[in-house]
Protein backbone atom coordinates (compact mmCIF):
# COMPACT_ATOMS: atom_id res chain seq x y z
CA UNK A 1 18.71 -28.24 -13.27
CA UNK A 2 18.73 -25.37 -15.59
CA UNK A 3 15.05 -26.36 -16.29
CA UNK A 4 14.15 -26.37 -12.79
CA UNK A 5 15.50 -22.95 -12.34
CA UNK A 6 13.70 -21.62 -15.16
CA UNK A 7 10.54 -23.27 -14.25
CA UNK A 8 10.90 -21.70 -10.74
CA UNK A 9 11.84 -18.22 -11.95
CA UNK A 10 8.75 -18.55 -14.47
CA UNK A 11 6.67 -19.27 -11.56
CA UNK A 12 7.85 -16.11 -9.46
CA UNK A 13 7.47 -13.76 -12.21
CA UNK A 14 3.89 -15.08 -13.05
CA UNK A 15 3.02 -14.65 -9.35
CA UNK A 16 4.32 -11.17 -8.99
CA UNK A 17 2.28 -10.18 -11.94
CA UNK A 18 -1.03 -11.26 -10.01
CA UNK A 19 -1.19 -9.03 -7.32
CA UNK A 20 -5.03 -9.38 -6.67
CA UNK A 21 -4.43 -13.05 -6.43
CA UNK A 22 -1.79 -12.76 -4.15
CA UNK A 23 -3.93 -10.77 -1.92
CA UNK A 24 -6.70 -12.92 -2.32
CA UNK A 25 -4.40 -15.97 -0.77
CA UNK A 26 -3.12 -13.61 1.77
CA UNK A 27 0.32 -13.53 0.58
CA UNK A 28 0.34 -9.75 -0.12
CA UNK A 29 -1.19 -7.67 2.62
CA UNK A 30 -0.02 -4.09 1.48
CA UNK A 31 -1.51 -1.82 -1.15
CA UNK A 32 0.42 0.94 -2.30
CA UNK A 33 -1.18 4.45 -3.67
CA UNK A 34 0.98 6.84 -5.69
CA UNK A 35 0.73 10.31 -4.07
CA UNK A 36 0.42 12.96 -3.35
CA UNK A 37 -2.06 11.85 -1.12
CA UNK A 38 -4.90 13.60 1.34
CA UNK A 39 -6.04 11.89 4.57
CA UNK A 40 -9.08 13.14 6.46
CA UNK A 41 -8.52 12.57 10.20
CA UNK A 42 -11.33 11.53 12.44
CA UNK A 43 -11.25 14.83 13.91
CA UNK A 44 -11.61 16.57 10.71
CA UNK A 45 -8.23 17.83 10.10
CA UNK A 46 -6.36 17.04 7.02
CA UNK A 47 -2.96 15.30 6.49
CA UNK A 48 -1.47 16.07 2.89
CA UNK A 49 1.65 14.15 1.85
CA UNK A 50 3.57 14.68 -1.40
CA UNK A 51 4.59 10.93 -1.39
CA UNK A 52 2.76 7.71 -1.75
CA UNK A 53 1.02 5.74 0.99
CA UNK A 54 0.72 2.24 1.83
CA UNK A 55 -2.37 0.60 3.29
CA UNK A 56 -2.54 -2.83 4.96
CA UNK A 57 -5.60 -4.62 3.53
CA UNK A 58 -6.10 -6.67 6.71
CA UNK A 59 -5.87 -3.99 9.20
CA UNK A 60 -6.39 -0.64 6.69
CA UNK A 61 -3.66 1.21 8.65
CA UNK A 62 -2.10 3.86 6.63
CA UNK A 63 1.68 4.25 6.36
CA UNK A 64 2.74 7.66 5.01
CA UNK A 65 5.71 10.03 5.10
CA UNK A 66 5.63 13.82 5.91
CA UNK A 67 7.28 16.40 3.86
CA UNK A 68 10.42 15.99 6.03
CA UNK A 69 10.52 12.41 5.30
CA UNK A 70 9.45 11.36 8.71
CA UNK A 71 7.60 8.01 8.70
CA UNK A 72 3.95 7.97 10.25
CA UNK A 73 1.21 5.41 10.87
CA UNK A 74 -2.73 6.12 11.32
CA UNK A 75 -4.95 3.10 12.23
CA UNK A 76 -8.24 2.90 11.05
CA UNK A 77 -10.00 4.63 13.96
CA UNK A 78 -7.74 7.65 13.49
CA UNK A 79 -9.09 8.53 9.83
CA UNK A 80 -12.03 8.94 7.77
CA UNK A 81 -11.11 8.43 4.29
CA UNK A 82 -7.97 9.13 1.87
CA UNK A 83 -7.51 9.95 -1.61
CA UNK A 84 -4.26 9.98 -3.84
CA UNK A 85 -3.07 11.44 -7.13
CA UNK A 86 -5.80 13.03 -9.41
CA UNK A 87 -8.64 11.24 -7.86
């Protein structure tokens, strides 16, 4: 019984370290980018957040928090591009 538990734990640890593999098979759909981040909206205005953002790989929707900690989402048609960290 201990061998089975250890094997399952080992498999889970191996899978969690292979994010790209999990994305390829559709088990991981969120990609996180460390902040601060800037998002260029479709109208040309700029949204800046000191926090990290998350992008849904399948739909390309962005989820971010503003300076007050309020959660926002932008769909692909709402923004042109984004950059995070020192990029």
